């Protein structure tokens, strides 16, 4: 049985996965989409990074941890292109735990 914390975490991941999918389909860049929807870009990038890491962690060991889908994600590092440049590395958002 899942704990309340696990259920809440799964809910937040699904919620942000939908937001990110909506942004991709909107035709807007991230900045404009975040302004329109009323949240901070840093929060968007935090959840984008968290989702990427969660998906990488869920990959079977047989894959060897290295994939390169559209967007240049490299699971061996656990980060995408922007994070490799250090733009948002190791940042947390207070209240989102």
PDB file of N, CA and C in Angstrom:
ATOM      1  N   UNK A   1       0.838  -1.183   0.000  1.00  0.00           N
ATOM      2  CA  UNK A   1       0.000   0.000   0.000  1.00  0.00           C
ATOM      3  C   UNK A   1       0.885   1.250   0.000  1.00  0.00           C
ATOM      4  N   UNK A   2       0.538   2.196  -0.850  1.00  0.00           N
ATOM      5  CA  UNK A   2       1.325   3.422  -0.949  1.00  0.00           C
ATOM      6  C   UNK A   2       1.012   4.355   0.221  1.00  0.00           C
ATOM      7  N   UNK A   3       2.049   5.062   0.660  1.00  0.00           N
ATOM      8  CA  UNK A   3       1.847   6.067   1.704  1.00  0.00           C
ATOM      9  C   UNK A   3       1.251   7.327   1.085  1.00  0.00           C
ATOM     10  N   UNK A   4       0.751   8.189   1.923  1.00  0.00           N
ATOM     11  CA  UNK A   4       0.196   9.464   1.459  1.00  0.00           C
ATOM     12  C   UNK A   4       1.258  10.278   0.734  1.00  0.00           C
ATOM     13  N   UNK A   5       2.465  10.234   1.230  1.00  0.00           N
ATOM     14  CA  UNK A   5       3.567  10.974   0.602  1.00  0.00           C
ATOM     15  C   UNK A   5       3.852  10.461  -0.807  1.00  0.00           C
ATOM     16  N   UNK A   6       3.853   9.136  -0.981  1.00  0.00           N
ATOM     17  CA  UNK A   6       4.077   8.552  -2.307  1.00  0.00           C
ATOM     18  C   UNK A   6       2.949   8.886  -3.274  1.00  0.00           C
ATOM     19  N   UNK A   7       1.733   8.868  -2.779  1.00  0.00           N
ATOM     20  CA  UNK A   7       0.583   9.206  -3.620  1.00  0.00           C
ATOM     21  C   UNK A   7       0.656  10.667  -4.042  1.00  0.00           C
ATOM     22  N   UNK A   8       0.990  11.553  -3.117  1.00  0.00           N
ATOM     23  CA  UNK A   8       1.104  12.976  -3.428  1.00  0.00           C
ATOM     24  C   UNK A   8       2.225  13.230  -4.433  1.00  0.00           C
ATOM     25  N   UNK A   9       3.337  12.535  -4.269  1.00  0.00           N
ATOM     26  CA  UNK A   9       4.462  12.690  -5.186  1.00  0.00           C
ATOM     27  C   UNK A   9       4.078  12.235  -6.582  1.00  0.00           C
ATOM     28  N   UNK A  10       3.396  11.097  -6.677  1.00  0.00           N
ATOM     29  CA  UNK A  10       2.958  10.593  -7.979  1.00  0.00           C
ATOM     30  C   UNK A  10       1.959  11.560  -8.620  1.00  0.00           C
ATOM     31  N   UNK A  11       1.070  12.118  -7.814  1.00  0.00           N
ATOM     32  CA  UNK A  11       0.091  13.085  -8.326  1.00  0.00           C
ATOM     33  C   UNK A  11       0.806  14.306  -8.912  1.00  0.00           C
ATOM     34  N   UNK A  12       1.784  14.847  -8.168  1.00  0.00           N
ATOM     35  CA  UNK A  12       2.518  16.024  -8.651  1.00  0.00           C
ATOM     36  C   UNK A  12       3.275  15.707  -9.940  1.00  0.00           C
ATOM     37  N   UNK A  13       3.891  14.531 -10.030  1.00  0.00           N
ATOM     38  CA  UNK A  13       4.601  14.154 -11.253  1.00  0.00           C
ATOM     39  C   UNK A  13       3.650  14.079 -12.440  1.00  0.00           C
ATOM     40  N   UNK A  14       2.491  13.474 -12.251  1.00  0.00           N
ATOM     41  CA  UNK A  14       1.512  13.382 -13.333  1.00  0.00           C
ATOM     42  C   UNK A  14       0.988  14.769 -13.727  1.00  0.00           C
ATOM     43  N   UNK A  15       0.732  15.591 -12.725  1.00  0.00           N
ATOM     44  CA  UNK A  15       0.242  16.950 -12.972  1.00  0.00           C
ATOM     45  C   UNK A  15       1.244  17.738 -13.814  1.00  0.00           C
ATOM     46  N   UNK A  16       2.515  17.699 -13.440  1.00  0.00           N
ATOM     47  CA  UNK A  16       3.530  18.456 -14.175  1.00  0.00           C
ATOM     48  C   UNK A  16       3.847  17.822 -15.520  1.00  0.00           C
ATOM     49  N   UNK A  17       3.717  16.524 -15.639  1.00  0.00           N
ATOM     50  CA  UNK A  17       3.892  15.889 -16.954  1.00  0.00           C
ATOM     51  C   UNK A  17       2.833  16.424 -17.917  1.00  0.00           C
ATOM     52  N   UNK A  18       1.615  16.602 -17.422  1.00  0.00           N
ATOM     53  CA  UNK A  18       0.546  17.146 -18.255  1.00  0.00           C
ATOM     54  C   UNK A  18       0.821  18.605 -18.609  1.00  0.00           C
ATOM     55  N   UNK A  19       1.300  19.387 -17.661  1.00  0.00           N
ATOM     56  CA  UNK A  19       1.629  20.793 -17.928  1.00  0.00           C
ATOM     57  C   UNK A  19       2.716  20.887 -18.998  1.00  0.00           C
ATOM     58  N   UNK A  20       3.745  20.068 -18.883  1.00  0.00           N
ATOM     59  CA  UNK A  20       4.843  20.097 -19.858  1.00  0.00           C
ATOM     60  C   UNK A  20       4.346  19.667 -21.235  1.00  0.00           C
ATOM     61  N   UNK A  21       3.500  18.656 -21.275  1.00  0.00           N
ATOM     62  CA  UNK A  21       2.916  18.229 -22.557  1.00  0.00           C
ATOM     63  C   UNK A  21       2.050  19.335 -23.153  1.00  0.00           C
ATOM     64  N   UNK A  22       1.292  20.020 -22.307  1.00  0.00           N
ATOM     65  CA  UNK A  22       0.457  21.135 -22.784  1.00  0.00           C
ATOM     66  C   UNK A  22       1.317  22.259 -23.349  1.00  0.00           C
ATOM     67  N   UNK A  23       2.439  22.541 -22.707  1.00  0.00           N
ATOM     68  CA  UNK A  23       3.328  23.602 -23.206  1.00  0.00           C
ATOM     69  C   UNK A  23       3.864  23.222 -24.583  1.00  0.00           C
ATOM     70  N   UNK A  24       4.288  21.985 -24.728  1.00  0.00           N
ATOM     71  CA  UNK A  24       4.832  21.530 -26.013  1.00  0.00           C
ATOM     72  C   UNK A  24       3.797  21.659 -27.130  1.00  0.00           C
ATOM     73  N   UNK A  25       2.533  21.370 -26.813  1.00  0.00           N
ATOM     74  CA  UNK A  25       1.478  21.435 -27.809  1.00  0.00           C
ATOM     75  C   UNK A  25       0.894  22.822 -28.021  1.00  0.00           C
ATOM     76  N   UNK A  26       1.268  23.765 -27.169  1.00  0.00           N
ATOM     77  CA  UNK A  26       0.681  25.105 -27.232  1.00  0.00           C
ATOM     78  C   UNK A  26       1.243  25.970 -28.350  1.00  0.00           C
ATOM     79  N   UNK A  27       2.448  25.649 -28.791  1.00  0.00           N
ATOM     80  CA  UNK A  27       3.105  26.497 -29.781  1.00  0.00           C
ATOM     81  C   UNK A  27       3.799  27.699 -29.165  1.00  0.00           C
ATOM     82  N   UNK A  28       3.685  27.856 -27.850  1.00  0.00           N
ATOM     83  CA  UNK A  28       4.344  28.960 -27.156  1.00  0.00           C
ATOM     84  C   UNK A  28       5.702  28.515 -26.640  1.00  0.00           C
ATOM     85  N   UNK A  29       6.619  29.477 -26.509  1.00  0.00           N
ATOM     86  CA  UNK A  29       7.879  29.135 -25.853  1.00  0.00           C
ATOM     87  C   UNK A  29       7.611  29.017 -24.351  1.00  0.00           C
ATOM     88  N   UNK A  30       8.569  28.497 -23.619  1.00  0.00           N
ATOM     89  CA  UNK A  30       8.371  28.226 -22.192  1.00  0.00           C
ATOM     90  C   UNK A  30       8.071  29.508 -21.428  1.00  0.00           C
ATOM     91  N   UNK A  31       8.794  30.564 -21.706  1.00  0.00           N
ATOM     92  CA  UNK A  31       8.583  31.831 -20.996  1.00  0.00           C
ATOM     93  C   UNK A  31       7.148  32.322 -21.167  1.00  0.00           C
ATOM     94  N   UNK A  32       6.677  32.376 -22.404  1.00  0.00           N
ATOM     95  CA  UNK A  32       5.324  32.869 -22.672  1.00  0.00           C
ATOM     96  C   UNK A  32       4.265  31.945 -22.084  1.00  0.00           C
ATOM     97  N   UNK A  33       4.491  30.641 -22.166  1.00  0.00           N
ATOM     98  CA  UNK A  33       3.534  29.680 -21.608  1.00  0.00           C
ATOM     99  C   UNK A  33       3.427  29.858 -20.091  1.00  0.00           C
ATOM    100  N   UNK A  34       4.559  29.969 -19.421  1.00  0.00           N
ATOM    101  CA  UNK A  34       4.551  30.129 -17.965  1.00  0.00           C
ATOM    102  C   UNK A  34       3.858  31.426 -17.556  1.00  0.00           C
ATOM    103  N   UNK A  35       4.108  32.502 -18.288  1.00  0.00           N
ATOM    104  CA  UNK A  35       3.435  33.770 -17.994  1.00  0.00           C
ATOM    105  C   UNK A  35       1.933  33.627 -18.169  1.00  0.00           C
ATOM    106  N   UNK A  36       1.515  32.980 -19.254  1.00  0.00           N
ATOM    107  CA  UNK A  36       0.093  32.805 -19.526  1.00  0.00           C
ATOM    108  C   UNK A  36      -0.591  31.974 -18.441  1.00  0.00           C
ATOM    109  N   UNK A  37       0.107  30.926 -17.982  1.00  0.00           N
ATOM    110  CA  UNK A  37      -0.479  30.025 -16.993  1.00  0.00           C
ATOM    111  C   UNK A  37      -0.282  30.497 -15.555  1.00  0.00           C
ATOM    112  N   UNK A  38       0.569  31.506 -15.357  1.00  0.00           N
ATOM    113  CA  UNK A  38       0.719  32.112 -14.032  1.00  0.00           C
ATOM    114  C   UNK A  38       1.672  31.415 -13.079  1.00  0.00           C
ATOM    115  N   UNK A  39       2.717  30.773 -13.609  1.00  0.00           N
ATOM    116  CA  UNK A  39       3.732  30.225 -12.721  1.00  0.00           C
ATOM    117  C   UNK A  39       5.125  30.575 -13.219  1.00  0.00           C
ATOM    118  N   UNK A  40       6.081  30.455 -12.329  1.00  0.00           N
ATOM    119  CA  UNK A  40       7.458  30.832 -12.576  1.00  0.00           C
ATOM    120  C   UNK A  40       8.170  29.819 -13.466  1.00  0.00           C
ATOM    121  N   UNK A  41       9.025  30.318 -14.365  1.00  0.00           N
ATOM    122  CA  UNK A  41       9.806  29.422 -15.237  1.00  0.00           C
ATOM    123  C   UNK A  41      10.675  28.466 -14.430  1.00  0.00           C
ATOM    124  N   UNK A  42      11.224  28.941 -13.321  1.00  0.00           N
ATOM    125  CA  UNK A  42      12.093  28.077 -12.515  1.00  0.00           C
ATOM    126  C   UNK A  42      11.334  26.851 -12.023  1.00  0.00           C
ATOM    127  N   UNK A  43      10.078  27.047 -11.662  1.00  0.00           N
ATOM    128  CA  UNK A  43       9.251  25.912 -11.224  1.00  0.00           C
ATOM    129  C   UNK A  43       9.060  24.943 -12.392  1.00  0.00           C
ATOM    130  N   UNK A  44       8.804  25.447 -13.576  1.00  0.00           N
ATOM    131  CA  UNK A  44       8.638  24.608 -14.769  1.00  0.00           C
ATOM    132  C   UNK A  44       9.904  23.776 -15.007  1.00  0.00           C
ATOM    133  N   UNK A  45      11.061  24.438 -14.984  1.00  0.00           N
ATOM    134  CA  UNK A  45      12.314  23.725 -15.241  1.00  0.00           C
ATOM    135  C   UNK A  45      12.639  22.722 -14.135  1.00  0.00           C
ATOM    136  N   UNK A  46      12.301  23.063 -12.889  1.00  0.00           N
ATOM    137  CA  UNK A  46      12.505  22.129 -11.780  1.00  0.00           C
ATOM    138  C   UNK A  46      11.737  20.837 -12.044  1.00  0.00           C
ATOM    139  N   UNK A  47      10.451  20.952 -12.402  1.00  0.00           N
ATOM    140  CA  UNK A  47       9.641  19.761 -12.625  1.00  0.00           C
ATOM    141  C   UNK A  47      10.036  19.040 -13.898  1.00  0.00           C
ATOM    142  N   UNK A  48      10.468  19.765 -14.907  1.00  0.00           N
ATOM    143  CA  UNK A  48      10.946  19.118 -16.131  1.00  0.00           C
ATOM    144  C   UNK A  48      12.156  18.240 -15.799  1.00  0.00           C
ATOM    145  N   UNK A  49      13.076  18.770 -15.031  1.00  0.00           N
ATOM    146  CA  UNK A  49      14.269  18.033 -14.628  1.00  0.00           C
ATOM    147  C   UNK A  49      13.907  16.845 -13.734  1.00  0.00           C
ATOM    148  N   UNK A  50      12.973  17.062 -12.803  1.00  0.00           N
ATOM    149  CA  UNK A  50      12.537  15.995 -11.903  1.00  0.00           C
ATOM    150  C   UNK A  50      11.880  14.861 -12.678  1.00  0.00           C
ATOM    151  N   UNK A  51      11.044  15.207 -13.645  1.00  0.00           N
ATOM    152  CA  UNK A  51      10.408  14.176 -14.476  1.00  0.00           C
ATOM    153  C   UNK A  51      11.431  13.402 -15.288  1.00  0.00           C
ATOM    154  N   UNK A  52      12.395  14.101 -15.867  1.00  0.00           N
ATOM    155  CA  UNK A  52      13.443  13.409 -16.638  1.00  0.00           C
ATOM    156  C   UNK A  52      14.187  12.410 -15.760  1.00  0.00           C
ATOM    157  N   UNK A  53      14.550  12.852 -14.559  1.00  0.00           N
ATOM    158  CA  UNK A  53      15.299  11.975 -13.671  1.00  0.00           C
ATOM    159  C   UNK A  53      14.454  10.781 -13.236  1.00  0.00           C
ATOM    160  N   UNK A  54      13.183  11.010 -12.964  1.00  0.00           N
ATOM    161  CA  UNK A  54      12.283   9.929 -12.571  1.00  0.00           C
ATOM    162  C   UNK A  54      12.160   8.904 -13.691  1.00  0.00           C
ATOM    163  N   UNK A  55      12.019   9.388 -14.913  1.00  0.00           N
ATOM    164  CA  UNK A  55      11.921   8.470 -16.053  1.00  0.00           C
ATOM    165  C   UNK A  55      13.226   7.706 -16.268  1.00  0.00           C
ATOM    166  N   UNK A  56      14.336   8.385 -16.120  1.00  0.00           N
ATOM    167  CA  UNK A  56      15.632   7.699 -16.271  1.00  0.00           C
ATOM    168  C   UNK A  56      15.807   6.628 -15.199  1.00  0.00           C
ATOM    169  N   UNK A  57      15.402   6.946 -13.971  1.00  0.00           N
ATOM    170  CA  UNK A  57      15.530   5.976 -12.882  1.00  0.00           C
ATOM    171  C   UNK A  57      14.658   4.753 -13.112  1.00  0.00           C
ATOM    172  N   UNK A  58      13.573   4.919 -13.868  1.00  0.00           N
ATOM    173  CA  UNK A  58      12.647   3.818 -14.101  1.00  0.00           C
ATOM    174  C   UNK A  58      13.066   2.920 -15.265  1.00  0.00           C
ATOM    175  N   UNK A  59      14.077   3.332 -16.031  1.00  0.00           N
ATOM    176  CA  UNK A  59      14.515   2.509 -17.168  1.00  0.00           C
ATOM    177  C   UNK A  59      15.088   1.181 -16.691  1.00  0.00           C
ATOM    178  N   UNK A  60      14.829   0.125 -17.428  1.00  0.00           N
ATOM    179  CA  UNK A  60      15.411  -1.163 -17.053  1.00  0.00           C
ATOM    180  C   UNK A  60      16.942  -1.114 -17.099  1.00  0.00           C
ATOM    181  N   UNK A  61      17.570  -1.877 -16.255  1.00  0.00           N
ATOM    182  CA  UNK A  61      19.027  -1.916 -16.215  1.00  0.00           C
ATOM    183  C   UNK A  61      19.617  -2.405 -17.536  1.00  0.00           C
ATOM    184  N   UNK A  62      18.854  -3.159 -18.296  1.00  0.00           N
ATOM    185  CA  UNK A  62      19.338  -3.696 -19.562  1.00  0.00           C
ATOM    186  C   UNK A  62      19.673  -2.603 -20.571  1.00  0.00           C
ATOM    187  N   UNK A  63      19.056  -1.445 -20.425  1.00  0.00           N
ATOM    188  CA  UNK A  63      19.320  -0.342 -21.339  1.00  0.00           C
ATOM    189  C   UNK A  63      20.711   0.241 -21.081  1.00  0.00           C
ATOM    190  N   UNK A  64      21.224   0.033 -19.889  1.00  0.00           N
ATOM    191  CA  UNK A  64      22.551   0.536 -19.567  1.00  0.00           C
ATOM    192  C   UNK A  64      22.551   1.998 -19.170  1.00  0.00           C
ATOM    193  N   UNK A  65      21.376   2.587 -19.019  1.00  0.00           N
ATOM    194  CA  UNK A  65      21.288   3.957 -18.543  1.00  0.00           C
ATOM    195  C   UNK A  65      21.590   5.019 -19.577  1.00  0.00           C
ATOM    196  N   UNK A  66      21.861   4.654 -20.829  1.00  0.00           N
ATOM    197  CA  UNK A  66      22.184   5.660 -21.825  1.00  0.00           C
ATOM    198  C   UNK A  66      21.180   5.618 -22.965  1.00  0.00           C
ATOM    199  N   UNK A  67      20.440   6.716 -23.073  1.00  0.00           N
ATOM    200  CA  UNK A  67      19.527   6.898 -24.191  1.00  0.00           C
ATOM    201  C   UNK A  67      19.671   8.328 -24.654  1.00  0.00           C
ATOM    202  N   UNK A  68      19.251   8.608 -25.851  1.00  0.00           N
ATOM    203  CA  UNK A  68      19.330   9.974 -26.344  1.00  0.00           C
ATOM    204  C   UNK A  68      18.103  10.287 -27.193  1.00  0.00           C
ATOM    205  N   UNK A  69      16.919  10.415 -26.536  1.00  0.00           N
ATOM    206  CA  UNK A  69      15.731  10.759 -27.295  1.00  0.00           C
ATOM    207  C   UNK A  69      15.769  12.221 -27.714  1.00  0.00           C
ATOM    208  N   UNK A  70      14.752  12.635 -28.441  1.00  0.00           N
ATOM    209  CA  UNK A  70      14.655  14.025 -28.873  1.00  0.00           C
ATOM    210  C   UNK A  70      14.826  14.942 -27.669  1.00  0.00           C
ATOM    211  N   UNK A  71      15.629  15.954 -27.803  1.00  0.00           N
ATOM    212  CA  UNK A  71      15.893  16.872 -26.707  1.00  0.00           C
ATOM    213  C   UNK A  71      17.243  16.638 -26.067  1.00  0.00           C
ATOM    214  N   UNK A  72      17.921  15.566 -26.445  1.00  0.00           N
ATOM    215  CA  UNK A  72      19.279  15.343 -25.984  1.00  0.00           C
ATOM    216  C   UNK A  72      19.417  14.858 -24.556  1.00  0.00           C
ATOM    217  N   UNK A  73      18.423  14.164 -24.026  1.00  0.00           N
ATOM    218  CA  UNK A  73      18.513  13.677 -22.662  1.00  0.00           C
ATOM    219  C   UNK A  73      19.522  12.540 -22.590  1.00  0.00           C
ATOM    220  N   UNK A  74      20.373  12.558 -21.604  1.00  0.00           N
ATOM    221  CA  UNK A  74      21.384  11.531 -21.409  1.00  0.00           C
ATOM    222  C   UNK A  74      21.228  11.005 -19.986  1.00  0.00           C
ATOM    223  N   UNK A  75      20.633   9.822 -19.843  1.00  0.00           N
ATOM    224  CA  UNK A  75      20.339   9.299 -18.519  1.00  0.00           C
ATOM    225  C   UNK A  75      21.581   8.895 -17.741  1.00  0.00           C
ATOM    226  N   UNK A  76      22.695   8.715 -18.416  1.00  0.00           N
ATOM    227  CA  UNK A  76      23.905   8.375 -17.674  1.00  0.00           C
ATOM    228  C   UNK A  76      24.322   9.547 -16.798  1.00  0.00           C
ATOM    229  N   UNK A  77      23.954  10.748 -17.187  1.00  0.00           N
ATOM    230  CA  UNK A  77      24.234  11.934 -16.388  1.00  0.00           C
ATOM    231  C   UNK A  77      23.022  12.364 -15.591  1.00  0.00           C
ATOM    232  N   UNK A  78      21.836  11.934 -16.037  1.00  0.00           N
ATOM    233  CA  UNK A  78      20.611  12.285 -15.346  1.00  0.00           C
ATOM    234  C   UNK A  78      20.134  13.693 -15.611  1.00  0.00           C
ATOM    235  N   UNK A  79      20.656  14.327 -16.657  1.00  0.00           N
ATOM    236  CA  UNK A  79      20.272  15.701 -16.947  1.00  0.00           C
ATOM    237  C   UNK A  79      20.130  15.897 -18.439  1.00  0.00           C
ATOM    238  N   UNK A  80      19.422  16.942 -18.828  1.00  0.00           N
ATOM    239  CA  UNK A  80      19.287  17.313 -20.227  1.00  0.00           C
ATOM    240  C   UNK A  80      20.296  18.389 -20.586  1.00  0.00           C
ATOM    241  N   UNK A  81      20.214  18.894 -21.800  1.00  0.00           N
ATOM    242  CA  UNK A  81      21.190  19.871 -22.285  1.00  0.00           C
ATOM    243  C   UNK A  81      21.297  21.109 -21.416  1.00  0.00           C
ATOM    244  N   UNK A  82      20.184  21.710 -21.026  1.00  0.00           N
ATOM    245  CA  UNK A  82      20.232  22.924 -20.220  1.00  0.00           C
ATOM    246  C   UNK A  82      20.900  22.689 -18.881  1.00  0.00           C
ATOM    247  N   UNK A  83      20.603  21.568 -18.254  1.00  0.00           N
ATOM    248  CA  UNK A  83      21.187  21.294 -16.954  1.00  0.00           C
ATOM    249  C   UNK A  83      22.693  21.049 -17.060  1.00  0.00           C
ATOM    250  N   UNK A  84      23.148  20.470 -18.189  1.00  0.00           N
ATOM    251  CA  UNK A  84      24.578  20.262 -18.366  1.00  0.00           C
ATOM    252  C   UNK A  84      25.326  21.575 -18.401  1.00  0.00           C
ATOM    253  N   UNK A  85      24.674  22.593 -18.906  1.00  0.00           N
ATOM    254  CA  UNK A  85      25.294  23.917 -18.947  1.00  0.00           C
ATOM    255  C   UNK A  85      25.297  24.571 -17.575  1.00  0.00           C
ATOM    256  N   UNK A  86      24.614  23.966 -16.622  1.00  0.00           N
ATOM    257  CA  UNK A  86      24.618  24.483 -15.266  1.00  0.00           C
ATOM    258  C   UNK A  86      23.579  25.543 -14.997  1.00  0.00           C
ATOM    259  N   UNK A  87      22.646  25.757 -15.915  1.00  0.00           N
ATOM    260  CA  UNK A  87      21.685  26.840 -15.757  1.00  0.00           C
ATOM    261  C   UNK A  87      20.815  26.671 -14.508  1.00  0.00           C
ATOM    262  N   UNK A  88      20.393  25.464 -14.211  1.00  0.00           N
ATOM    263  CA  UNK A  88      19.484  25.259 -13.083  1.00  0.00           C
ATOM    264  C   UNK A  88      19.923  24.092 -12.202  1.00  0.00           C
ATOM    265  N   UNK A  89      21.162  23.763 -12.223  1.00  0.00           N
ATOM    266  CA  UNK A  89      21.654  22.597 -11.496  1.00  0.00           C
ATOM    267  C   UNK A  89      21.485  22.747  -9.991  1.00  0.00           C
ATOM    268  N   UNK A  90      21.006  21.699  -9.376  1.00  0.00           N
ATOM    269  CA  UNK A  90      20.892  21.588  -7.924  1.00  0.00           C
ATOM    270  C   UNK A  90      20.058  22.680  -7.279  1.00  0.00           C
ATOM    271  N   UNK A  91      19.066  23.197  -7.985  1.00  0.00           N
ATOM    272  CA  UNK A  91      18.190  24.200  -7.404  1.00  0.00           C
ATOM    273  C   UNK A  91      16.946  23.505  -6.885  1.00  0.00           C
ATOM    274  N   UNK A  92      16.444  23.968  -5.778  1.00  0.00           N
ATOM    275  CA  UNK A  92      15.205  23.434  -5.241  1.00  0.00           C
ATOM    276  C   UNK A  92      14.211  24.567  -5.088  1.00  0.00           C
ATOM    277  N   UNK A  93      12.965  24.198  -5.017  1.00  0.00           N
ATOM    278  CA  UNK A  93      11.909  25.175  -4.851  1.00  0.00           C
ATOM    279  C   UNK A  93      11.318  24.961  -3.463  1.00  0.00           C
ATOM    280  N   UNK A  94      11.389  25.983  -2.611  1.00  0.00           N
ATOM    281  CA  UNK A  94      10.831  25.830  -1.252  1.00  0.00           C
ATOM    282  C   UNK A  94       9.355  25.447  -1.320  1.00  0.00           C
ATOM    283  N   UNK A  95       8.967  24.516  -0.484  1.00  0.00           N
ATOM    284  CA  UNK A  95       7.584  24.097  -0.428  1.00  0.00           C
ATOM    285  C   UNK A  95       7.231  22.956  -1.359  1.00  0.00           C
ATOM    286  N   UNK A  96       8.111  22.605  -2.276  1.00  0.00           N
ATOM    287  CA  UNK A  96       7.862  21.485  -3.193  1.00  0.00           C
ATOM    288  C   UNK A  96       8.757  20.320  -2.789  1.00  0.00           C
ATOM    289  N   UNK A  97       8.304  19.533  -1.872  1.00  0.00           N
ATOM    290  CA  UNK A  97       9.114  18.381  -1.460  1.00  0.00           C
ATOM    291  C   UNK A  97       8.335  17.113  -1.588  1.00  0.00           C
TER     292      UNK A  97
END
